[in-house]
Amino acid sequence: MHILLVDDNQESCVALTEILKAGGHTIDSVSDGHDALEVLEVRDIDLVVTDALMPRIDGFALCRSIKSDDNLKNIPVIILTGEYTDDADIAFAQGIGASSIIKKSEDPDNIIAAVAQVQGISRDPSHKIPFRLDLPEGEFLKGYNSILFHRLNAKMREIAEANDKLAVRNSQLERERRKYRQLFLSANDGILLVNRSDHTIVESNLHAKRILGLKERSLLPEVINTRKNLDELKPFGEEIKGYLVRGEQARLESSYVSGGTRIFLDVSGSDVGTEDNLYLITLRDITQRKEWLERFISMDKLRALGRLSHGLVHEIRNPLNVVSINLQFLKKGFGENSPEKKFATAALDGVSGIDKVIREMMTFAQPQSPTKSKLQLSSMLSDIALLAKTSLQKSGIVLEIDEDGANDSIVADKSQVLHALLNIVQNSIDAMPNGGSLRFKLSEADDALLLQIVDTGVGMDEESRKLAVEPFYTTKDGATGMGLSISNRLFELNGASLSFDGSPGVGTTVTVSFHRGR
């Protein structure tokens, strides 16, 4: 059969075409009833299969037009509907001359069967396909309007159901959006979204602001005048910009100066993969990791120094004792003012100096395990002031203790902390040969008790501050360079840490942070 398929839904039309072609039929297709009537005027069509609802002329109007035309009325019409088909629909379709009305969603075999029925009847040339056309114009319009109203209600229900589903889906999407937004904002790593075109930062999470030391509003996209460019975030911004320009993924270790402090960063970057033309940069603060690595290296050095110290003690101290005893014996045999006695005395001083270096190395490399107890730091500062009183007066140094109402309770080994603090005080005294002032200041910060030892001495340059606690580093003639190294080691054993501040000519501030809870 030569079938004219009328359907404005392209997917439905393609599917029906394949089904009908499989039955050996020839198919022409158009998208509405208006085009169908034009085709029927010029081609021999055996059957019209039409969708019910279409633009311009729909299936019901097309069927009535065909059955009202003497040249076309014998062409059978099958109406397909996407909605529920009730008895009123069937009666209306029969009243306008349709052979059958079938729901699209039904088994395709029903459509094939309806076509086969029409084909079986049409094979008998003497038998015309029966049809009814018994609806007057008024009844047709009434029934037609009823059908349309019914279809409209069905469509409205479909739309309402679709809206309900869409509302549920939108609610789900909004929950997902809020969830991922919260993950973005609260991620432990800093995240920056950069415009690939002008390299400005369009968005950042809170951790990125903290890492970079930026104000809360400084990276908000709506504050155009405060948008930062990658070039401003030196040096890592300049480094990663090259990857961005080339469209490459980035992975590098860099740094950034925030609030006068250099922090070290593990930086990665990649395209977001959306149409927003964004480049995503992830920042991870690895400053503490580097500090721990440096501390690990330092501990490794200490272990090596400990092994060396044992060897020195064994190889040097015993023969050194023999030398000391012999020198003391010789010294007794010389006259009080003889040159020989002076030489022996100088030699004994040299032996004492060597012994001191050995003892300091042993204290640094293998200090005794601390015996901790609860201490009042202010009380220890008073003891230090008493012990150093003579040296302070001799150098013309004024000592001040400022407790500032701080809770000065710590848990530590008293002798070790006292030893460590006396080394620092002695350094301060040595730095003020012409007099000055020395101040102890106690304060609290977060979970630590801070002791600042402030002097008005010669100060320290950047290299001296960096190397101050390295073994054997010194800027003083005749010193071993072990005093601050030993202090730092003893403080570490007692849950404290050292830091240095100051500049040449303006004095030095040594801060001892006693970390509570360690």
Protein backbone atom coordinates (compact mmCIF):
# COMPACT_ATOMS: atom_id res chain seq x y z
CA MET A 1 0.00 0.00 0.00
CA HIS A 2 1.00 3.59 -0.57
CA ILE A 3 0.54 5.22 2.84
CA LEU A 4 0.64 8.91 3.66
CA LEU A 5 1.93 9.38 7.20
CA VAL A 6 0.99 12.72 8.81
CA ASP A 7 2.79 13.58 12.07
CA ASP A 8 4.51 16.72 13.33
CA ASN A 9 6.71 14.74 15.75
CA GLN A 10 9.86 13.83 13.85
CA GLU A 11 10.90 10.97 16.13
CA SER A 12 7.41 9.43 16.07
CA CYS A 13 7.28 9.83 12.29
CA VAL A 14 10.59 8.05 11.80
CA ALA A 15 9.56 5.17 14.09
CA LEU A 16 6.18 4.69 12.36
CA THR A 17 7.83 4.85 8.95
CA GLU A 18 10.18 2.01 9.87
CA ILE A 19 7.31 -0.08 11.27
CA LEU A 20 5.17 0.37 8.16
CA LYS A 21 8.03 -0.12 5.71
CA ALA A 22 8.76 -3.44 7.41
CA GLY A 23 5.28 -4.51 6.27
CA GLY A 24 6.19 -3.83 2.64
CA HIS A 25 4.39 -0.49 2.37
CA THR A 26 5.52 2.66 0.59
CA ILE A 27 5.54 5.67 2.85
CA ASP A 28 5.23 9.39 2.19
CA SER A 29 5.29 11.69 5.20
CA VAL A 30 4.29 15.28 5.95
CA SER A 31 4.09 17.29 9.18
CA ASP A 32 0.45 18.48 9.22
CA GLY A 33 -3.00 18.20 7.62
CA HIS A 34 -2.52 21.20 5.33
CA ASP A 35 0.47 19.58 3.63
CA ALA A 36 -1.37 16.25 3.57
CA LEU A 37 -4.27 17.69 1.52
CA GLU A 38 -1.79 19.06 -1.01
CA VAL A 39 -0.16 15.64 -1.39
CA LEU A 40 -3.55 13.94 -1.76
CA GLU A 41 -4.35 16.23 -4.70
CA VAL A 42 -1.35 15.03 -6.73
CA ARG A 43 -0.60 11.47 -5.60
CA ASP A 44 -2.46 8.20 -5.43
CA ILE A 45 -2.65 7.33 -1.76
CA ASP A 46 -4.16 4.10 -0.44
CA LEU A 47 -4.24 4.98 3.26
CA VAL A 48 -3.77 8.03 5.50
CA VAL A 49 -2.31 7.47 8.96
CA THR A 50 -2.46 10.74 10.87
CA ASP A 51 -1.64 12.08 14.29
CA ALA A 52 -4.62 13.59 16.09
CA LEU A 53 -3.09 16.88 17.29
CA MET A 54 -1.01 18.95 14.87
CA PRO A 55 -0.57 22.62 13.91
CA ARG A 56 -2.79 24.29 11.28
CA ILE A 57 -5.03 21.30 10.32
CA ASP A 58 -5.05 18.45 12.84
CA GLY A 59 -5.98 14.81 12.32
CA PHE A 60 -9.69 15.17 13.06
CA ALA A 61 -10.13 18.14 10.70
CA LEU A 62 -8.05 16.36 8.05
CA CYS A 63 -10.20 13.23 8.30
CA ARG A 64 -13.43 15.26 7.92
CA SER A 65 -11.95 17.15 4.93
CA ILE A 66 -10.98 13.89 3.21
CA LYS A 67 -14.38 12.28 3.78
CA SER A 68 -16.18 15.40 2.61
CA ASP A 69 -14.28 15.46 -0.71
CA ASP A 70 -15.87 13.26 -3.41
CA ASN A 71 -12.42 12.60 -4.94
CA LEU A 72 -10.82 11.55 -1.65
CA LYS A 73 -13.63 10.13 0.48
CA ASN A 74 -12.82 6.49 -0.30
CA ILE A 75 -9.28 6.79 1.14
CA PRO A 76 -9.33 5.14 4.58
CA VAL A 77 -8.03 7.18 7.55
CA ILE A 78 -6.48 5.86 10.74
CA ILE A 79 -6.12 8.43 13.54
CA LEU A 80 -3.31 8.06 16.08
CA THR A 81 -3.58 9.78 19.45
CA GLY A 82 -1.03 10.19 22.21
CA GLU A 83 -3.73 10.50 24.87
CA TYR A 84 -6.19 8.12 26.46
CA THR A 85 -8.88 7.03 24.00
CA ASP A 86 -12.39 6.69 25.47
CA ASP A 87 -15.73 5.72 23.93
CA ALA A 88 -16.60 9.34 23.12
CA ASP A 89 -13.36 9.70 21.13
CA ILE A 90 -14.06 6.51 19.21
CA ALA A 91 -17.65 7.56 18.46
CA PHE A 92 -16.49 10.98 17.29
CA ALA A 93 -13.77 9.50 15.06
CA GLN A 94 -16.29 7.10 13.48
CA GLY A 95 -18.75 9.96 13.04
CA ILE A 96 -16.27 11.89 10.88
CA GLY A 97 -15.38 8.82 8.79
CA ALA A 98 -12.21 7.41 10.44
CA SER A 99 -11.58 3.69 10.02
CA SER A 100 -10.11 3.48 13.54
CA ILE A 101 -8.53 5.53 16.28
CA ILE A 102 -5.48 4.03 18.03
CA LYS A 103 -3.33 5.16 20.93
CA LYS A 104 0.32 5.66 19.90
CA SER A 105 1.70 4.13 23.05
CA GLU A 106 -0.06 0.83 22.47
CA ASP A 107 1.64 -2.21 21.00
CA PRO A 108 2.83 -1.40 17.44
CA ASP A 109 1.10 -4.63 16.40
CA ASN A 110 -2.25 -2.84 16.88
CA ILE A 111 -1.25 -0.27 14.25
CA ILE A 112 -0.03 -3.03 11.92
CA ALA A 113 -3.29 -4.94 12.46
CA ALA A 114 -5.40 -1.86 11.68
CA VAL A 115 -3.39 -1.26 8.46
CA ALA A 116 -3.74 -4.95 7.54
CA GLN A 117 -7.50 -4.80 8.05
CA VAL A 118 -7.75 -1.81 5.72
CA GLN A 119 -5.46 -3.55 3.22
CA GLY A 120 -7.56 -6.73 3.31
CA ILE A 121 -10.73 -4.83 2.52
CA SER A 122 -9.10 -2.75 -0.19
CA ARG A 123 -7.88 -5.83 -2.10
CA ASP A 124 -11.45 -6.50 -3.22
CA PRO A 125 -11.99 -3.89 -6.00
CA SER A 126 -15.74 -4.40 -5.87
CA HIS A 127 -15.89 -3.65 -2.17
CA LYS A 128 -15.63 -0.10 -0.97
CA ILE A 129 -14.37 0.60 2.51
CA PRO A 130 -17.35 1.59 4.64
CA PHE A 131 -17.27 4.81 6.62
CA ARG A 132 -19.75 7.01 8.43
CA LEU A 133 -20.07 10.72 7.97
CA ASP A 134 -23.19 11.31 9.96
CA LEU A 135 -22.20 14.31 12.11
CA PRO A 136 -23.74 17.60 11.03
CA GLU A 137 -21.55 20.69 11.22
CA GLY A 138 -22.86 21.77 14.60
CA GLU A 139 -22.38 18.32 16.11
CA PHE A 140 -18.91 18.10 14.58
CA LEU A 141 -17.84 21.41 16.10
CA LYS A 142 -19.31 20.45 19.45
CA GLY A 143 -17.57 17.08 19.44
CA TYR A 144 -14.39 18.57 18.06
CA ASN A 145 -14.30 21.19 20.80
CA SER A 146 -14.96 18.50 23.37
CA ILE A 147 -12.05 16.47 22.02
CA LEU A 148 -9.78 19.50 22.08
CA PHE A 149 -10.88 20.40 25.59
CA HIS A 150 -10.23 16.85 26.69
CA ARG A 151 -6.79 16.90 25.06
CA LEU A 152 -6.04 20.31 26.57
CA ASN A 153 -6.90 19.05 30.06
CA ALA A 154 -4.70 16.04 29.50
CA LYS A 155 -1.87 18.27 28.32
CA MET A 156 -2.34 20.53 31.33
CA ARG A 157 -2.10 17.50 33.59
CA GLU A 158 1.05 16.43 31.78
CA ILE A 159 2.50 19.91 32.18
CA ALA A 160 1.54 19.98 35.86
CA GLU A 161 3.18 16.58 36.41
CA ALA A 162 6.24 17.71 34.46
CA ASN A 163 6.39 20.88 36.56
CA ASP A 164 6.13 18.85 39.74
CA LYS A 165 8.98 16.60 38.56
CA LEU A 166 10.95 19.64 37.48
CA ALA A 167 10.41 21.27 40.88
CA VAL A 168 11.62 18.11 42.61
CA ARG A 169 14.62 17.94 40.28
CA ASN A 170 15.38 21.62 40.78
CA SER A 171 15.20 21.10 44.54
CA GLN A 172 17.64 18.18 44.22
CA LEU A 173 19.94 20.25 42.03
CA GLU A 174 19.80 23.14 44.48
CA ARG A 175 20.72 20.81 47.34
CA GLU A 176 23.59 19.45 45.24
CA ARG A 177 24.65 22.98 44.35
CA ARG A 178 24.66 24.03 48.01
CA LYS A 179 26.54 20.89 48.97
CA TYR A 180 29.27 21.38 46.38
CA ARG A 181 29.35 25.10 47.13
CA GLN A 182 29.95 24.31 50.78
CA LEU A 183 32.65 21.81 49.83
CA PHE A 184 34.27 24.51 47.68
CA LEU A 185 34.14 27.11 50.43
CA SER A 186 35.28 24.87 53.29
CA ALA A 187 37.87 22.75 51.47
CA ASN A 188 41.11 22.32 53.42
CA ASP A 189 43.06 23.38 50.33
CA GLY A 190 42.90 26.89 48.92
CA ILE A 191 40.98 27.10 45.62
CA LEU A 192 41.13 29.94 43.07
CA LEU A 193 39.06 30.25 39.90
CA VAL A 194 40.87 32.37 37.32
CA ASN A 195 39.48 33.92 34.14
CA ARG A 196 41.64 32.55 31.33
CA SER A 197 41.16 35.70 29.22
CA ASP A 198 42.40 38.43 31.58
CA HIS A 199 43.98 36.24 34.33
CA THR A 200 41.88 37.82 37.08
CA ILE A 201 40.68 35.81 40.07
CA VAL A 202 36.90 35.60 39.85
CA GLU A 203 36.32 33.46 42.94
CA SER A 204 38.18 31.91 45.84
CA ASN A 205 37.34 29.88 48.91
CA LEU A 206 38.00 30.89 52.50
CA HIS A 207 41.14 28.79 52.86
CA ALA A 208 42.73 30.50 49.85
CA LYS A 209 42.09 33.89 51.47
CA ARG A 210 43.70 32.70 54.70
CA ILE A 211 46.72 31.25 52.90
CA LEU A 212 47.24 34.42 50.88
CA GLY A 213 46.43 36.76 53.76
CA LEU A 214 43.66 38.48 51.81
CA LYS A 215 40.65 40.30 53.21
CA GLU A 216 37.27 38.57 53.14
CA ARG A 217 35.88 40.71 50.29
CA SER A 218 39.08 41.19 48.33
CA LEU A 219 38.42 38.39 45.85
CA LEU A 220 34.65 38.64 45.47
CA PRO A 221 33.70 38.85 41.77
CA GLU A 222 31.23 41.68 42.28
CA VAL A 223 33.92 43.94 43.73
CA ILE A 224 35.47 44.62 40.33
CA ASN A 225 37.98 47.21 41.49
CA THR A 226 39.54 44.79 43.96
CA ARG A 227 39.90 41.81 41.64
CA LYS A 228 43.43 40.53 41.81
CA ASN A 229 45.47 39.45 38.83
CA LEU A 230 47.73 36.39 38.95
CA ASP A 231 50.73 38.67 38.39
CA GLU A 232 50.11 40.24 41.81
CA LEU A 233 50.44 36.91 43.65
CA LYS A 234 54.21 36.65 43.44
CA PRO A 235 56.01 34.46 42.74
CA PHE A 236 53.61 31.53 42.33
CA GLY A 237 51.06 33.54 40.32
CA GLU A 238 53.65 34.51 37.74
CA GLU A 239 54.91 30.93 37.54
CA ILE A 240 51.50 29.31 37.02
CA LYS A 241 50.40 31.96 34.50
CA GLY A 242 52.71 30.37 31.91
CA TYR A 243 50.90 27.04 32.28
CA LEU A 244 47.53 28.78 31.98
CA VAL A 245 48.54 30.60 28.77
CA ARG A 246 49.73 27.33 27.22
CA GLY A 247 46.58 25.52 28.35
CA GLU A 248 48.61 22.99 30.33
CA GLN A 249 48.08 21.32 33.67
CA ALA A 250 50.40 22.70 36.34
CA ARG A 251 52.09 21.10 39.33
CA LEU A 252 54.84 22.98 41.11
CA GLU A 253 56.23 24.00 44.46
CA SER A 254 56.43 27.74 45.03
CA SER A 255 56.03 30.39 47.73
CA TYR A 256 54.15 33.56 48.66
CA VAL A 257 54.85 36.36 51.11
CA SER A 258 51.86 36.95 53.38
CA GLY A 259 52.02 39.51 56.17
CA GLY A 260 55.80 39.69 55.91
CA THR A 261 56.13 35.91 56.29
CA ARG A 262 57.09 33.62 53.44
CA ILE A 263 54.89 30.56 53.17
CA PHE A 264 55.62 27.61 50.93
CA LEU A 265 52.93 26.23 48.64
CA ASP A 266 52.20 23.10 46.66
CA VAL A 267 50.40 24.54 43.62
CA SER A 268 48.39 22.74 40.93
CA GLY A 269 46.25 24.08 38.11
CA SER A 270 44.01 22.79 35.32
CA ASP A 271 41.11 23.80 33.08
CA VAL A 272 37.71 23.57 34.77
CA GLY A 273 36.28 21.83 31.70
CA THR A 274 33.18 24.03 31.41
CA GLU A 275 32.12 26.79 29.06
CA ASP A 276 33.02 29.45 31.64
CA ASN A 277 36.61 29.75 30.36
CA LEU A 278 37.97 29.22 33.88
CA TYR A 279 41.24 27.82 35.17
CA LEU A 280 41.24 26.15 38.59
CA ILE A 281 44.22 26.61 40.90
CA THR A 282 44.65 24.59 44.10
CA LEU A 283 46.95 25.81 46.88
CA ARG A 284 48.27 23.70 49.74
CA ASP A 285 50.31 25.29 52.51
CA ILE A 286 53.35 23.03 52.97
CA THR A 287 55.30 25.41 55.22
CA GLN A 288 54.88 23.16 58.24
CA ARG A 289 55.80 20.12 56.17
CA LYS A 290 59.03 21.81 55.11
CA GLU A 291 59.71 22.78 58.70
CA TRP A 292 59.23 19.17 59.79
CA LEU A 293 61.51 18.03 56.98
CA GLU A 294 64.18 20.50 58.06
CA ARG A 295 63.70 19.32 61.64
CA PHE A 296 64.08 15.72 60.51
CA ILE A 297 67.31 16.63 58.71
CA SER A 298 68.45 18.48 61.82
CA MET A 299 67.67 15.43 63.98
CA ASP A 300 69.62 13.29 61.56
CA LYS A 301 72.55 15.67 62.00
CA LEU A 302 72.15 15.39 65.75
CA ARG A 303 72.32 11.63 65.59
CA ALA A 304 75.48 11.88 63.52
CA LEU A 305 76.90 14.42 65.97
CA GLY A 306 75.99 12.11 68.85
CA ARG A 307 77.97 9.27 67.30
CA LEU A 308 80.85 11.67 66.66
CA SER A 309 80.68 12.93 70.25
CA HIS A 310 81.02 9.42 71.64
CA GLY A 311 84.10 8.92 69.54
CA LEU A 312 85.55 12.25 70.65
CA VAL A 313 84.91 11.50 74.29
CA HIS A 314 86.64 8.14 74.00
CA GLU A 315 89.55 9.31 71.86
CA ILE A 316 90.19 12.74 73.39
CA ARG A 317 88.97 12.92 76.98
CA ASN A 318 91.18 10.12 78.38
CA PRO A 319 94.48 11.39 76.92
CA LEU A 320 93.32 14.94 77.75
CA ASN A 321 93.00 13.95 81.41
CA VAL A 322 96.56 12.56 81.30
CA VAL A 323 97.80 15.84 79.80
CA SER A 324 95.92 17.86 82.45
CA ILE A 325 97.35 15.79 85.34
CA ASN A 326 100.91 16.09 84.01
CA LEU A 327 100.57 19.83 83.48
CA GLN A 328 99.28 20.29 87.03
CA PHE A 329 102.24 18.23 88.33
CA LEU A 330 104.73 20.27 86.33
CA LYS A 331 103.10 23.53 87.42
CA LYS A 332 103.69 22.69 91.08
CA GLY A 333 107.44 22.28 90.44
CA PHE A 334 107.94 25.74 88.95
CA GLY A 335 108.58 28.93 90.86
CA GLU A 336 105.65 31.30 91.45
CA ASN A 337 106.86 33.92 88.97
CA SER A 338 108.80 31.68 86.61
CA PRO A 339 108.02 31.72 82.85
CA GLU A 340 107.59 27.96 82.96
CA LYS A 341 104.68 28.24 85.40
CA LYS A 342 102.93 30.79 83.17
CA PHE A 343 103.29 28.47 80.19
CA ALA A 344 101.88 25.56 82.19
CA THR A 345 98.96 27.69 83.37
CA ALA A 346 98.14 28.73 79.77
CA ALA A 347 98.32 25.09 78.69
CA LEU A 348 95.92 24.07 81.46
CA ASP A 349 93.47 26.81 80.36
CA GLY A 350 93.62 25.39 76.84
CA VAL A 351 92.88 21.90 78.15
CA SER A 352 89.89 23.31 80.10
CA GLY A 353 88.61 24.96 76.94
CA ILE A 354 88.78 21.70 75.02
CA ASP A 355 87.00 19.90 77.85
CA LYS A 356 84.26 22.56 77.81
CA VAL A 357 83.69 22.06 74.08
CA ILE A 358 83.40 18.31 74.58
CA ARG A 359 80.91 18.74 77.43
CA GLU A 360 78.82 21.19 75.36
CA MET A 361 78.76 18.80 72.43
CA MET A 362 77.59 15.98 74.70
CA THR A 363 74.89 18.20 76.22
CA PHE A 364 73.69 19.20 72.76
CA ALA A 365 73.84 15.81 71.07
CA GLN A 366 72.63 13.60 73.92
CA PRO A 367 70.91 15.63 76.64
CA GLN A 368 69.33 13.81 79.52
CA SER A 369 65.62 13.07 79.29
CA PRO A 370 63.69 15.86 81.03
CA THR A 371 62.15 15.31 84.44
CA LYS A 372 59.10 17.53 84.14
CA SER A 373 57.08 19.17 86.87
CA LYS A 374 54.73 22.12 87.19
CA LEU A 375 56.71 25.38 87.34
CA GLN A 376 56.02 29.10 87.62
CA LEU A 377 58.08 30.80 84.90
CA SER A 378 57.99 34.17 86.70
CA SER A 379 59.69 32.56 89.68
CA MET A 380 62.41 31.16 87.41
CA LEU A 381 62.95 34.61 85.88
CA SER A 382 63.57 35.97 89.38
CA ASP A 383 66.15 33.20 89.93
CA ILE A 384 67.86 34.10 86.63
CA ALA A 385 67.92 37.79 87.59
CA LEU A 386 69.67 36.83 90.84
CA LEU A 387 72.18 34.52 89.12
CA ALA A 388 73.04 37.11 86.47
CA LYS A 389 73.03 40.09 88.84
CA THR A 390 76.80 40.49 88.99
CA SER A 391 77.27 40.24 85.20
CA LEU A 392 74.42 42.72 84.62
CA GLN A 393 75.83 45.26 87.05
CA LYS A 394 79.35 44.87 85.67
CA SER A 395 78.09 45.60 82.14
CA GLY A 396 75.80 48.45 83.22
CA ILE A 397 72.61 46.67 82.11
CA VAL A 398 69.20 47.40 83.64
CA LEU A 399 66.88 44.37 83.93
CA GLU A 400 63.08 44.64 83.87
CA ILE A 401 60.53 41.83 84.35
CA ASP A 402 57.03 42.39 82.93
CA GLU A 403 54.62 39.60 83.84
CA ASP A 404 51.55 41.32 82.30
CA GLY A 405 49.15 39.22 84.40
CA ALA A 406 49.81 36.15 82.28
CA ASN A 407 49.18 32.62 83.52
CA ASP A 408 52.87 31.63 83.70
CA SER A 409 52.37 28.00 84.69
CA ILE A 410 54.34 25.49 82.57
CA VAL A 411 55.27 21.82 82.80
CA ALA A 412 58.99 21.36 82.16
CA ASP A 413 62.35 20.27 83.54
CA LYS A 414 63.47 23.18 85.73
CA SER A 415 67.22 22.65 85.40
CA GLN A 416 67.07 22.31 81.61
CA VAL A 417 64.87 25.41 81.13
CA LEU A 418 67.09 27.36 83.54
CA HIS A 419 70.21 26.29 81.64
CA ALA A 420 68.63 27.25 78.30
CA LEU A 421 67.46 30.68 79.52
CA LEU A 422 70.83 31.50 81.11
CA ASN A 423 72.54 30.85 77.77
CA ILE A 424 70.20 33.37 76.08
CA VAL A 425 70.69 35.93 78.85
CA GLN A 426 74.46 35.55 78.57
CA ASN A 427 74.22 36.17 74.82
CA SER A 428 72.22 39.34 75.50
CA ILE A 429 74.81 40.55 78.05
CA ASP A 430 77.62 39.89 75.55
CA ALA A 431 75.70 41.91 72.94
CA MET A 432 75.64 45.02 75.23
CA PRO A 433 79.30 45.65 76.21
CA ASN A 434 78.57 49.33 76.73
CA GLY A 435 75.42 48.84 78.80
CA GLY A 436 71.76 48.95 77.91
CA SER A 437 68.52 47.36 79.03
CA LEU A 438 67.25 43.79 79.19
CA ARG A 439 63.56 43.03 79.49
CA PHE A 440 61.66 39.82 80.24
CA LYS A 441 58.04 40.02 79.04
CA LEU A 442 55.47 37.29 79.66
CA SER A 443 52.24 37.08 77.64
CA GLU A 444 49.74 34.53 76.34
CA ALA A 445 48.79 33.68 72.77
CA ASP A 446 46.35 30.93 71.79
CA ASP A 447 47.60 27.76 73.52
CA ALA A 448 51.10 29.04 74.33
CA LEU A 449 52.90 31.05 76.99
CA LEU A 450 55.31 33.50 75.38
CA LEU A 451 58.52 34.75 76.98
CA GLN A 452 60.20 37.61 75.14
CA ILE A 453 63.80 38.44 76.05
CA VAL A 454 64.42 41.91 74.62
CA ASP A 455 67.84 43.56 74.61
CA THR A 456 69.17 46.83 73.21
CA GLY A 457 72.41 45.31 71.97
CA VAL A 458 74.12 45.05 68.59
CA GLY A 459 71.20 43.15 67.01
CA MET A 460 71.18 40.35 64.43
CA ASP A 461 71.15 40.40 60.65
CA GLU A 462 69.00 38.01 58.58
CA GLU A 463 71.75 35.40 58.23
CA SER A 464 72.46 35.42 61.96
CA ARG A 465 68.75 34.97 62.77
CA LYS A 466 68.54 32.05 60.34
CA LEU A 467 71.68 30.28 61.61
CA ALA A 468 71.46 31.22 65.29
CA VAL A 469 70.69 27.72 66.57
CA GLU A 470 73.07 25.88 64.21
CA PRO A 471 75.89 24.12 66.11
CA PHE A 472 79.22 26.02 66.14
CA TYR A 473 77.77 29.14 64.50
CA THR A 474 78.98 32.28 66.27
CA THR A 475 79.82 35.91 65.57
CA LYS A 476 81.83 36.34 68.78
CA ASP A 477 85.58 35.84 69.04
CA GLY A 478 86.61 32.93 71.23
CA ALA A 479 83.08 31.49 71.52
CA THR A 480 82.21 27.88 70.71
CA GLY A 481 78.88 28.69 69.03
CA MET A 482 77.06 26.02 71.04
CA GLY A 483 75.10 28.15 73.55
CA LEU A 484 71.94 28.85 71.49
CA SER A 485 72.12 25.38 69.92
CA ILE A 486 72.01 23.81 73.37
CA SER A 487 69.19 26.17 74.45
CA ASN A 488 67.13 25.30 71.37
CA ARG A 489 67.68 21.57 71.97
CA LEU A 490 66.65 21.82 75.62
CA PHE A 491 63.57 23.88 74.79
CA GLU A 492 62.47 21.30 72.20
CA LEU A 493 62.71 18.57 74.84
CA ASN A 494 60.40 20.65 77.03
CA GLY A 495 57.76 21.47 74.42
CA ALA A 496 59.01 24.96 73.60
CA SER A 497 60.45 26.68 70.53
CA LEU A 498 62.74 29.62 69.78
CA SER A 499 62.39 32.50 67.33
CA PHE A 500 64.47 35.63 66.73
CA ASP A 501 63.64 39.15 65.63
CA GLY A 502 65.63 42.35 65.32
CA SER A 503 68.04 44.19 63.08
CA PRO A 504 71.68 45.28 63.37
CA GLY A 505 72.02 48.24 65.72
CA VAL A 506 68.49 48.07 67.16
CA GLY A 507 68.72 45.09 69.51
CA THR A 508 67.32 41.58 69.48
CA THR A 509 64.08 39.98 70.66
CA VAL A 510 64.27 36.28 71.45
CA THR A 511 60.83 34.69 71.84
CA VAL A 512 60.46 31.40 73.70
CA SER A 513 57.04 29.82 73.04
CA PHE A 514 56.05 27.28 75.68
CA HIS A 515 53.34 25.22 73.94
CA ARG A 516 50.87 24.03 76.52
CA GLY A 517 49.52 20.54 76.23
CA ARG A 518 52.76 19.08 74.89
